[in-house]
Amino acid sequence: MGASYRRRSAATVRLLVAELRNAAERLGYTVREEKLLREVGYRVRGGGCVVKGTKMIFLDREASPETHLDVLVDVLWDEPLEELYLSPQARELFRQPRLRFPGTNEAA
């Protein structure tokens, strides 16, 4: 996933983020940008969770658009995206091998 969009312009990445945010909302997620707290040695990315029965995606307000795109793809990976219209560029992000973060079992 990471390599293909890193070759895209910043404007294209921002458009993909907006498209995937919209897709997440259509799938019932609430997407929020928050200033996520950091601790020494801990890198914050954001991610998905359920809060009082509401599916949430938190994006770190201080993170790059590329990081937001990583988080959105990670959260939406197992969702029924075939039911939604996505641009060919957005759909391509889900056709590539799912990467794993070094030292974890979490997918990128």
N, C-alpha and C. Protein backbone atom coordinates (compact mmCIF):
# COMPACT_ATOMS: atom_id res chain seq x y z
N MET A 1 0.82 -1.19 0.00
CA MET A 1 0.00 0.00 0.00
C MET A 1 0.86 1.24 0.00
N GLY A 2 1.82 1.35 0.88
CA GLY A 2 2.57 2.57 1.09
C GLY A 2 3.29 3.09 -0.13
N ALA A 3 3.92 2.22 -0.89
CA ALA A 3 4.75 2.67 -1.99
C ALA A 3 3.96 3.34 -3.09
N SER A 4 2.78 2.88 -3.40
CA SER A 4 2.06 3.43 -4.55
C SER A 4 1.58 4.84 -4.31
N TYR A 5 1.08 5.15 -3.13
CA TYR A 5 0.58 6.51 -2.96
C TYR A 5 1.67 7.48 -2.59
N ARG A 6 2.80 7.01 -2.15
CA ARG A 6 3.90 7.92 -1.84
C ARG A 6 4.46 8.56 -3.11
N ARG A 7 4.15 7.99 -4.25
CA ARG A 7 4.58 8.59 -5.51
C ARG A 7 3.55 9.60 -6.02
N ARG A 8 2.45 9.74 -5.34
CA ARG A 8 1.40 10.67 -5.75
C ARG A 8 1.67 12.06 -5.20
N SER A 9 1.09 13.07 -5.84
CA SER A 9 1.25 14.44 -5.36
C SER A 9 0.53 14.61 -4.03
N ALA A 10 0.92 15.65 -3.30
CA ALA A 10 0.28 15.94 -2.02
C ALA A 10 -1.21 16.21 -2.22
N ALA A 11 -1.57 16.87 -3.29
CA ALA A 11 -2.98 17.16 -3.56
C ALA A 11 -3.77 15.87 -3.79
N THR A 12 -3.17 14.92 -4.51
CA THR A 12 -3.84 13.64 -4.75
C THR A 12 -4.03 12.87 -3.46
N VAL A 13 -3.02 12.87 -2.59
CA VAL A 13 -3.13 12.18 -1.31
C VAL A 13 -4.25 12.80 -0.48
N ARG A 14 -4.34 14.14 -0.46
CA ARG A 14 -5.41 14.80 0.30
C ARG A 14 -6.79 14.43 -0.26
N LEU A 15 -6.90 14.32 -1.59
CA LEU A 15 -8.17 13.91 -2.19
C LEU A 15 -8.53 12.47 -1.81
N LEU A 16 -7.54 11.59 -1.78
CA LEU A 16 -7.78 10.20 -1.38
C LEU A 16 -8.21 10.12 0.09
N VAL A 17 -7.59 10.93 0.94
CA VAL A 17 -7.98 10.97 2.35
C VAL A 17 -9.43 11.41 2.46
N ALA A 18 -9.80 12.46 1.75
CA ALA A 18 -11.18 12.94 1.79
C ALA A 18 -12.15 11.87 1.30
N GLU A 19 -11.79 11.17 0.24
CA GLU A 19 -12.66 10.12 -0.31
C GLU A 19 -12.83 8.97 0.69
N LEU A 20 -11.73 8.56 1.33
CA LEU A 20 -11.84 7.45 2.29
C LEU A 20 -12.53 7.88 3.57
N ARG A 21 -12.39 9.13 3.97
CA ARG A 21 -13.16 9.63 5.13
C ARG A 21 -14.65 9.54 4.83
N ASN A 22 -15.02 9.95 3.62
CA ASN A 22 -16.42 9.89 3.20
C ASN A 22 -16.91 8.45 3.17
N ALA A 23 -16.08 7.55 2.64
CA ALA A 23 -16.45 6.13 2.60
C ALA A 23 -16.64 5.59 4.01
N ALA A 24 -15.76 5.97 4.94
CA ALA A 24 -15.87 5.51 6.32
C ALA A 24 -17.19 5.99 6.93
N GLU A 25 -17.54 7.22 6.67
CA GLU A 25 -18.80 7.75 7.20
C GLU A 25 -20.00 7.02 6.61
N ARG A 26 -19.93 6.67 5.33
CA ARG A 26 -21.02 5.91 4.71
C ARG A 26 -21.13 4.51 5.29
N LEU A 27 -20.02 4.00 5.84
CA LEU A 27 -20.02 2.69 6.47
C LEU A 27 -20.36 2.77 7.96
N GLY A 28 -20.73 3.95 8.43
CA GLY A 28 -21.17 4.10 9.81
C GLY A 28 -20.12 4.56 10.80
N TYR A 29 -18.95 4.93 10.34
CA TYR A 29 -17.90 5.43 11.22
C TYR A 29 -18.07 6.93 11.45
N THR A 30 -17.68 7.37 12.63
CA THR A 30 -17.49 8.79 12.91
C THR A 30 -15.99 9.01 12.82
N VAL A 31 -15.56 9.94 11.98
CA VAL A 31 -14.13 10.21 11.79
C VAL A 31 -13.81 11.53 12.47
N ARG A 32 -12.82 11.49 13.36
CA ARG A 32 -12.44 12.70 14.09
C ARG A 32 -10.95 12.92 14.00
N GLU A 33 -10.57 14.18 13.84
CA GLU A 33 -9.17 14.57 13.94
C GLU A 33 -8.96 15.17 15.31
N GLU A 34 -8.04 14.60 16.05
CA GLU A 34 -7.75 15.04 17.42
C GLU A 34 -6.25 15.18 17.58
N LYS A 35 -5.86 16.00 18.54
CA LYS A 35 -4.45 16.04 18.92
C LYS A 35 -4.25 14.87 19.87
N LEU A 36 -3.63 13.82 19.37
CA LEU A 36 -3.43 12.61 20.17
C LEU A 36 -2.18 12.75 21.02
N LEU A 37 -2.30 12.34 22.27
CA LEU A 37 -1.19 12.48 23.21
C LEU A 37 -0.04 11.56 22.85
N ARG A 38 1.14 12.03 23.14
CA ARG A 38 2.35 11.27 22.85
C ARG A 38 3.13 11.04 24.14
N GLU A 39 3.80 9.92 24.20
CA GLU A 39 4.72 9.61 25.28
C GLU A 39 6.08 9.39 24.65
N VAL A 40 7.12 9.51 25.44
CA VAL A 40 8.47 9.28 24.94
C VAL A 40 8.56 7.86 24.39
N GLY A 41 9.03 7.74 23.17
CA GLY A 41 9.20 6.42 22.56
C GLY A 41 7.94 5.83 21.96
N TYR A 42 6.85 6.59 21.94
CA TYR A 42 5.58 6.07 21.41
C TYR A 42 5.15 6.94 20.24
N ARG A 43 4.97 6.33 19.10
CA ARG A 43 4.56 7.04 17.89
C ARG A 43 3.06 6.89 17.70
N VAL A 44 2.35 8.00 17.70
CA VAL A 44 0.91 7.98 17.55
C VAL A 44 0.55 8.04 16.07
N ARG A 45 -0.40 7.18 15.65
CA ARG A 45 -0.88 7.19 14.27
C ARG A 45 -2.37 7.48 14.20
N GLY A 46 -3.08 7.02 15.18
CA GLY A 46 -4.54 7.05 15.12
C GLY A 46 -5.01 5.63 14.87
N GLY A 47 -6.32 5.47 14.66
CA GLY A 47 -6.85 4.14 14.39
C GLY A 47 -8.33 4.08 14.66
N GLY A 48 -8.87 2.88 14.59
CA GLY A 48 -10.29 2.67 14.77
C GLY A 48 -10.60 2.00 16.09
N CYS A 49 -11.80 2.27 16.59
CA CYS A 49 -12.27 1.64 17.81
C CYS A 49 -13.79 1.81 17.88
N VAL A 50 -14.39 1.21 18.89
CA VAL A 50 -15.82 1.37 19.14
C VAL A 50 -15.96 2.03 20.50
N VAL A 51 -16.68 3.17 20.54
CA VAL A 51 -16.91 3.91 21.77
C VAL A 51 -18.41 3.96 22.02
N LYS A 52 -18.85 3.30 23.08
CA LYS A 52 -20.27 3.25 23.43
C LYS A 52 -21.14 2.87 22.23
N GLY A 53 -20.68 1.86 21.50
CA GLY A 53 -21.44 1.34 20.37
C GLY A 53 -21.28 2.11 19.07
N THR A 54 -20.48 3.16 19.06
CA THR A 54 -20.25 3.96 17.86
C THR A 54 -18.88 3.64 17.28
N LYS A 55 -18.84 3.27 16.00
CA LYS A 55 -17.56 3.01 15.34
C LYS A 55 -16.86 4.35 15.10
N MET A 56 -15.62 4.44 15.56
CA MET A 56 -14.86 5.69 15.48
C MET A 56 -13.53 5.45 14.77
N ILE A 57 -13.09 6.47 14.06
CA ILE A 57 -11.72 6.51 13.54
C ILE A 57 -11.12 7.81 14.04
N PHE A 58 -9.99 7.70 14.73
CA PHE A 58 -9.27 8.87 15.21
C PHE A 58 -8.03 9.08 14.36
N LEU A 59 -7.88 10.29 13.86
CA LEU A 59 -6.70 10.68 13.08
C LEU A 59 -5.95 11.74 13.88
N ASP A 60 -4.65 11.59 13.98
CA ASP A 60 -3.84 12.57 14.69
C ASP A 60 -3.79 13.86 13.88
N ARG A 61 -4.25 14.94 14.48
CA ARG A 61 -4.31 16.22 13.79
C ARG A 61 -2.94 16.68 13.30
N GLU A 62 -1.88 16.28 14.00
CA GLU A 62 -0.53 16.71 13.64
C GLU A 62 0.17 15.76 12.67
N ALA A 63 -0.49 14.69 12.29
CA ALA A 63 0.13 13.71 11.37
C ALA A 63 -0.03 14.18 9.92
N SER A 64 0.77 13.61 9.07
CA SER A 64 0.75 13.95 7.64
C SER A 64 -0.47 13.33 6.95
N PRO A 65 -0.85 13.87 5.80
CA PRO A 65 -1.92 13.25 5.02
C PRO A 65 -1.61 11.79 4.67
N GLU A 66 -0.34 11.47 4.45
CA GLU A 66 0.04 10.10 4.14
C GLU A 66 -0.26 9.17 5.33
N THR A 67 -0.02 9.66 6.54
CA THR A 67 -0.33 8.88 7.73
C THR A 67 -1.83 8.72 7.89
N HIS A 68 -2.59 9.78 7.61
CA HIS A 68 -4.05 9.67 7.66
C HIS A 68 -4.53 8.61 6.67
N LEU A 69 -3.93 8.60 5.48
CA LEU A 69 -4.30 7.62 4.47
C LEU A 69 -3.98 6.20 4.96
N ASP A 70 -2.81 6.03 5.57
CA ASP A 70 -2.45 4.72 6.15
C ASP A 70 -3.49 4.26 7.15
N VAL A 71 -3.89 5.14 8.05
CA VAL A 71 -4.86 4.79 9.11
C VAL A 71 -6.20 4.42 8.49
N LEU A 72 -6.68 5.22 7.55
CA LEU A 72 -7.97 4.95 6.93
C LEU A 72 -7.97 3.63 6.18
N VAL A 73 -6.92 3.36 5.43
CA VAL A 73 -6.84 2.08 4.71
C VAL A 73 -6.80 0.92 5.71
N ASP A 74 -6.04 1.08 6.78
CA ASP A 74 -5.94 0.03 7.78
C ASP A 74 -7.30 -0.28 8.39
N VAL A 75 -8.03 0.74 8.78
CA VAL A 75 -9.33 0.54 9.43
C VAL A 75 -10.36 -0.02 8.44
N LEU A 76 -10.34 0.47 7.21
CA LEU A 76 -11.36 0.07 6.24
C LEU A 76 -11.04 -1.22 5.50
N TRP A 77 -9.87 -1.78 5.71
CA TRP A 77 -9.39 -2.94 4.95
C TRP A 77 -10.40 -4.09 4.91
N ASP A 78 -11.00 -4.41 6.03
CA ASP A 78 -11.90 -5.56 6.11
C ASP A 78 -13.37 -5.19 5.96
N GLU A 79 -13.65 -3.96 5.63
CA GLU A 79 -15.03 -3.52 5.45
C GLU A 79 -15.54 -3.91 4.06
N PRO A 80 -16.86 -3.99 3.88
CA PRO A 80 -17.43 -4.37 2.58
C PRO A 80 -17.39 -3.21 1.57
N LEU A 81 -16.21 -2.91 1.09
CA LEU A 81 -16.04 -1.77 0.19
C LEU A 81 -16.63 -1.99 -1.19
N GLU A 82 -16.87 -3.26 -1.55
CA GLU A 82 -17.45 -3.52 -2.87
C GLU A 82 -18.85 -2.92 -2.99
N GLU A 83 -19.47 -2.62 -1.85
CA GLU A 83 -20.80 -2.02 -1.86
C GLU A 83 -20.77 -0.51 -2.11
N LEU A 84 -19.58 0.09 -2.04
CA LEU A 84 -19.44 1.53 -2.19
C LEU A 84 -18.74 1.87 -3.50
N TYR A 85 -19.08 3.04 -4.05
CA TYR A 85 -18.29 3.52 -5.19
C TYR A 85 -17.02 4.13 -4.62
N LEU A 86 -15.88 3.71 -5.13
CA LEU A 86 -14.59 4.33 -4.85
C LEU A 86 -13.91 4.57 -6.18
N SER A 87 -13.18 5.67 -6.26
CA SER A 87 -12.44 5.95 -7.48
C SER A 87 -11.43 4.84 -7.72
N PRO A 88 -11.00 4.66 -8.97
CA PRO A 88 -9.98 3.64 -9.24
C PRO A 88 -8.72 3.83 -8.40
N GLN A 89 -8.31 5.08 -8.16
CA GLN A 89 -7.12 5.33 -7.34
C GLN A 89 -7.33 4.86 -5.90
N ALA A 90 -8.50 5.13 -5.35
CA ALA A 90 -8.77 4.70 -3.98
C ALA A 90 -8.87 3.18 -3.91
N ARG A 91 -9.56 2.57 -4.85
CA ARG A 91 -9.73 1.12 -4.84
C ARG A 91 -8.38 0.42 -4.96
N GLU A 92 -7.46 1.00 -5.71
CA GLU A 92 -6.13 0.40 -5.89
C GLU A 92 -5.39 0.25 -4.55
N LEU A 93 -5.65 1.15 -3.60
CA LEU A 93 -4.99 1.06 -2.29
C LEU A 93 -5.34 -0.24 -1.56
N PHE A 94 -6.50 -0.81 -1.89
CA PHE A 94 -6.95 -2.04 -1.22
C PHE A 94 -6.61 -3.30 -2.01
N ARG A 95 -6.01 -3.14 -3.18
CA ARG A 95 -5.62 -4.30 -3.99
C ARG A 95 -4.17 -4.71 -3.74
N GLN A 96 -3.43 -3.87 -3.05
CA GLN A 96 -2.03 -4.13 -2.82
C GLN A 96 -1.85 -4.97 -1.55
N PRO A 97 -0.71 -5.62 -1.42
CA PRO A 97 -0.49 -6.44 -0.21
C PRO A 97 -0.60 -5.58 1.04
N ARG A 98 -1.21 -6.13 2.05
CA ARG A 98 -1.36 -5.42 3.32
C ARG A 98 -0.05 -5.53 4.08
N LEU A 99 0.51 -4.38 4.43
CA LEU A 99 1.79 -4.35 5.12
C LEU A 99 1.60 -4.48 6.62
N ARG A 100 2.62 -4.90 7.32
CA ARG A 100 2.60 -5.00 8.77
C ARG A 100 3.64 -4.04 9.33
N PHE A 101 3.31 -3.43 10.49
CA PHE A 101 4.27 -2.57 11.16
C PHE A 101 5.37 -3.44 11.76
N PRO A 102 6.62 -3.00 11.67
CA PRO A 102 7.72 -3.80 12.25
C PRO A 102 7.51 -4.06 13.74
N GLY A 103 7.69 -5.31 14.13
CA GLY A 103 7.61 -5.66 15.54
C GLY A 103 6.20 -5.82 16.09
N THR A 104 5.20 -5.79 15.24
CA THR A 104 3.82 -5.95 15.73
C THR A 104 3.08 -6.90 14.83
N ASN A 105 1.89 -7.25 15.25
CA ASN A 105 1.00 -8.04 14.40
C ASN A 105 -0.05 -7.15 13.75
N GLU A 106 0.10 -5.83 13.90
CA GLU A 106 -0.86 -4.90 13.35
C GLU A 106 -0.57 -4.68 11.88
N ALA A 107 -1.62 -4.64 11.10
CA ALA A 107 -1.48 -4.35 9.67
C ALA A 107 -1.33 -2.85 9.47
N ALA A 108 -0.64 -2.49 8.41
CA ALA A 108 -0.50 -1.07 8.06
C ALA A 108 -1.61 -0.66 7.13
